[in-house]
Amino acid sequence: DQCLTLKTKWATKYLAELINNSPEHSPSQFTQTLIDHCLKLTRPSREFMELNPDKDEPRDYKKFPGKMDHATCISIRVGTMSKDKLIKTNSLDSAKMMPGIKKLNPGTTFSDLEQK
């Protein structure tokens, strides 16, 4: 389908621009850049839904861009790693493994995430 091909090319180019314009080139920074982009893009929709919890999500995609769904974002570094570095990073503590990623607590709202 030609429409899908064009959409995929545009999304790939846009994603590359986001990553290339990232202040730091690391997996955690790439992930944070994508999360920040999603928060910025969906802000109008989220604000509408928070103020109007009994209404459906608006269908005006120019005023309310993005999709109000869930998203998962993970990035990994591919390559060789020394044994010493592997031992240091082999931990379940995500705050140590991904220092640029915000840790969420129960009850965290999207507005809380946007405050830096």
C-alpha atoms as a PDB file:
ATOM      1  CA  ASP A   1       0.000   0.000   0.000  1.00  0.00           C
ATOM      2  CA  GLN A   2       1.502   3.318  -1.116  1.00  0.00           C
ATOM      3  CA  CYS A   3      -0.008   5.255   1.793  1.00  0.00           C
ATOM      4  CA  LEU A   4       1.599   2.939   4.355  1.00  0.00           C
ATOM      5  CA  THR A   5       4.952   3.161   2.559  1.00  0.00           C
ATOM      6  CA  LEU A   6       4.874   6.982   2.631  1.00  0.00           C
ATOM      7  CA  LYS A   7       3.781   7.017   6.279  1.00  0.00           C
ATOM      8  CA  THR A   8       6.614   4.647   7.230  1.00  0.00           C
ATOM      9  CA  LYS A   9       9.211   6.724   5.342  1.00  0.00           C
ATOM     10  CA  TRP A  10       8.005   9.926   7.021  1.00  0.00           C
ATOM     11  CA  ALA A  11       7.997   8.335  10.502  1.00  0.00           C
ATOM     12  CA  THR A  12      11.491   6.898   9.986  1.00  0.00           C
ATOM     13  CA  LYS A  13      12.849  10.276   8.840  1.00  0.00           C
ATOM     14  CA  TYR A  14      11.161  12.095  11.745  1.00  0.00           C
ATOM     15  CA  LEU A  15      12.488   9.592  14.288  1.00  0.00           C
ATOM     16  CA  ALA A  16      16.009   9.953  12.867  1.00  0.00           C
ATOM     17  CA  GLU A  17      15.757  13.752  13.193  1.00  0.00           C
ATOM     18  CA  LEU A  18      14.629  13.459  16.829  1.00  0.00           C
ATOM     19  CA  ILE A  19      17.516  11.165  17.669  1.00  0.00           C
ATOM     20  CA  ASN A  20      20.127  13.144  15.709  1.00  0.00           C
ATOM     21  CA  ASN A  21      19.062  16.358  17.462  1.00  0.00           C
ATOM     22  CA  SER A  22      19.285  14.706  20.873  1.00  0.00           C
ATOM     23  CA  PRO A  23      21.706  16.519  23.220  1.00  0.00           C
ATOM     24  CA  GLU A  24      23.586  13.295  23.993  1.00  0.00           C
ATOM     25  CA  HIS A  25      23.932  10.099  21.992  1.00  0.00           C
ATOM     26  CA  SER A  26      23.236   7.334  24.480  1.00  0.00           C
ATOM     27  CA  PRO A  27      20.453   4.754  24.800  1.00  0.00           C
ATOM     28  CA  SER A  28      19.016   6.452  27.891  1.00  0.00           C
ATOM     29  CA  GLN A  29      19.010   9.862  26.183  1.00  0.00           C
ATOM     30  CA  PHE A  30      17.345   8.458  23.057  1.00  0.00           C
ATOM     31  CA  THR A  31      14.643   6.882  25.209  1.00  0.00           C
ATOM     32  CA  GLN A  32      14.139  10.121  27.154  1.00  0.00           C
ATOM     33  CA  THR A  33      13.967  12.110  23.892  1.00  0.00           C
ATOM     34  CA  LEU A  34      11.200   9.837  22.581  1.00  0.00           C
ATOM     35  CA  ILE A  35       9.264   9.986  25.863  1.00  0.00           C
ATOM     36  CA  ASP A  36       9.557  13.791  25.955  1.00  0.00           C
ATOM     37  CA  HIS A  37       8.330  13.971  22.353  1.00  0.00           C
ATOM     38  CA  CYS A  38       5.299  11.788  23.147  1.00  0.00           C
ATOM     39  CA  LEU A  39       4.444  13.881  26.216  1.00  0.00           C
ATOM     40  CA  LYS A  40       4.686  17.109  24.220  1.00  0.00           C
ATOM     41  CA  LEU A  41       2.685  15.748  21.273  1.00  0.00           C
ATOM     42  CA  THR A  42      -0.188  14.357  23.362  1.00  0.00           C
ATOM     43  CA  ARG A  43      -0.408  17.202  25.888  1.00  0.00           C
ATOM     44  CA  PRO A  44      -3.587  18.785  24.423  1.00  0.00           C
ATOM     45  CA  SER A  45      -5.366  15.405  24.365  1.00  0.00           C
ATOM     46  CA  ARG A  46      -4.265  14.532  27.897  1.00  0.00           C
ATOM     47  CA  GLU A  47      -5.352  17.914  29.244  1.00  0.00           C
ATOM     48  CA  PHE A  48      -8.738  17.534  27.543  1.00  0.00           C
ATOM     49  CA  MET A  49      -9.205  14.032  28.965  1.00  0.00           C
ATOM     50  CA  GLU A  50      -8.189  15.128  32.477  1.00  0.00           C
ATOM     51  CA  LEU A  51     -10.671  18.033  32.388  1.00  0.00           C
ATOM     52  CA  ASN A  52     -13.436  15.969  30.719  1.00  0.00           C
ATOM     53  CA  PRO A  53     -13.146  12.412  32.091  1.00  0.00           C
ATOM     54  CA  ASP A  54     -16.674  11.473  30.967  1.00  0.00           C
ATOM     55  CA  LYS A  55     -16.159  12.502  27.325  1.00  0.00           C
ATOM     56  CA  ASP A  56     -14.617  10.596  24.440  1.00  0.00           C
ATOM     57  CA  GLU A  57     -11.252  11.605  23.089  1.00  0.00           C
ATOM     58  CA  PRO A  58     -11.676  14.376  20.472  1.00  0.00           C
ATOM     59  CA  ARG A  59     -11.361  13.359  16.813  1.00  0.00           C
ATOM     60  CA  ASP A  60      -9.782  16.651  15.673  1.00  0.00           C
ATOM     61  CA  TYR A  61      -6.227  15.395  15.085  1.00  0.00           C
ATOM     62  CA  LYS A  62      -4.896  18.872  14.301  1.00  0.00           C
ATOM     63  CA  LYS A  63      -5.924  20.250  17.701  1.00  0.00           C
ATOM     64  CA  PHE A  64      -5.394  16.950  19.525  1.00  0.00           C
ATOM     65  CA  PRO A  65      -2.501  15.099  17.845  1.00  0.00           C
ATOM     66  CA  GLY A  66      -1.110  11.760  18.910  1.00  0.00           C
ATOM     67  CA  LYS A  67      -2.832   8.614  20.017  1.00  0.00           C
ATOM     68  CA  MET A  68      -4.047   8.240  23.574  1.00  0.00           C
ATOM     69  CA  ASP A  69      -3.008   4.677  24.131  1.00  0.00           C
ATOM     70  CA  HIS A  70       0.016   3.179  25.747  1.00  0.00           C
ATOM     71  CA  ALA A  71       3.567   3.131  24.486  1.00  0.00           C
ATOM     72  CA  THR A  72       6.676   1.227  25.330  1.00  0.00           C
ATOM     73  CA  CYS A  73      10.088   2.576  24.504  1.00  0.00           C
ATOM     74  CA  ILE A  74      13.333   0.736  25.009  1.00  0.00           C
ATOM     75  CA  SER A  75      16.735   1.320  23.520  1.00  0.00           C
ATOM     76  CA  ILE A  76      19.838  -0.793  23.729  1.00  0.00           C
ATOM     77  CA  ARG A  77      23.468  -0.307  22.888  1.00  0.00           C
ATOM     78  CA  VAL A  78      24.778  -2.937  20.497  1.00  0.00           C
ATOM     79  CA  GLY A  79      28.450  -3.776  20.579  1.00  0.00           C
ATOM     80  CA  THR A  80      31.165  -5.275  22.697  1.00  0.00           C
ATOM     81  CA  MET A  81      31.563  -4.497  26.375  1.00  0.00           C
ATOM     82  CA  SER A  82      34.428  -5.219  28.717  1.00  0.00           C
ATOM     83  CA  LYS A  83      33.889  -7.722  31.533  1.00  0.00           C
ATOM     84  CA  ASP A  84      34.442  -4.986  34.154  1.00  0.00           C
ATOM     85  CA  LYS A  85      31.751  -2.773  32.658  1.00  0.00           C
ATOM     86  CA  LEU A  86      29.352  -5.730  32.348  1.00  0.00           C
ATOM     87  CA  ILE A  87      29.703  -6.517  36.052  1.00  0.00           C
ATOM     88  CA  LYS A  88      29.077  -2.872  37.008  1.00  0.00           C
ATOM     89  CA  THR A  89      25.885  -2.642  34.935  1.00  0.00           C
ATOM     90  CA  ASN A  90      24.499  -6.107  35.731  1.00  0.00           C
ATOM     91  CA  SER A  91      21.908  -4.852  38.199  1.00  0.00           C
ATOM     92  CA  LEU A  92      18.159  -4.689  38.477  1.00  0.00           C
ATOM     93  CA  ASP A  93      18.354  -1.087  39.716  1.00  0.00           C
ATOM     94  CA  SER A  94      17.038   0.792  36.685  1.00  0.00           C
ATOM     95  CA  ALA A  95      18.003   4.155  38.189  1.00  0.00           C
ATOM     96  CA  LYS A  96      21.658   3.104  38.049  1.00  0.00           C
ATOM     97  CA  MET A  97      21.372   1.458  34.641  1.00  0.00           C
ATOM     98  CA  MET A  98      19.445   4.317  33.036  1.00  0.00           C
ATOM     99  CA  PRO A  99      20.238   7.536  34.930  1.00  0.00           C
ATOM    100  CA  GLY A 100      18.386   9.721  32.415  1.00  0.00           C
ATOM    101  CA  ILE A 101      15.086   7.892  32.839  1.00  0.00           C
ATOM    102  CA  LYS A 102      12.598   9.153  35.388  1.00  0.00           C
ATOM    103  CA  LYS A 103      11.487   6.647  38.020  1.00  0.00           C
ATOM    104  CA  LEU A 104       7.682   6.531  38.368  1.00  0.00           C
ATOM    105  CA  ASN A 105       5.877   6.281  41.658  1.00  0.00           C
ATOM    106  CA  PRO A 106       2.271   5.137  42.099  1.00  0.00           C
ATOM    107  CA  GLY A 107      -0.089   8.020  41.362  1.00  0.00           C
ATOM    108  CA  THR A 108       2.321   9.828  39.027  1.00  0.00           C
ATOM    109  CA  THR A 109       0.411  11.893  36.452  1.00  0.00           C
ATOM    110  CA  PHE A 110       1.524  12.983  32.996  1.00  0.00           C
ATOM    111  CA  SER A 111       1.740  16.554  34.302  1.00  0.00           C
ATOM    112  CA  ASP A 112       4.221  15.376  36.935  1.00  0.00           C
ATOM    113  CA  LEU A 113       6.401  13.886  34.199  1.00  0.00           C
ATOM    114  CA  GLU A 114       6.515  17.117  32.233  1.00  0.00           C
ATOM    115  CA  GLN A 115       7.877  19.101  35.177  1.00  0.00           C
ATOM    116  CA  LYS A 116      11.657  19.112  35.132  1.00  0.00           C
END
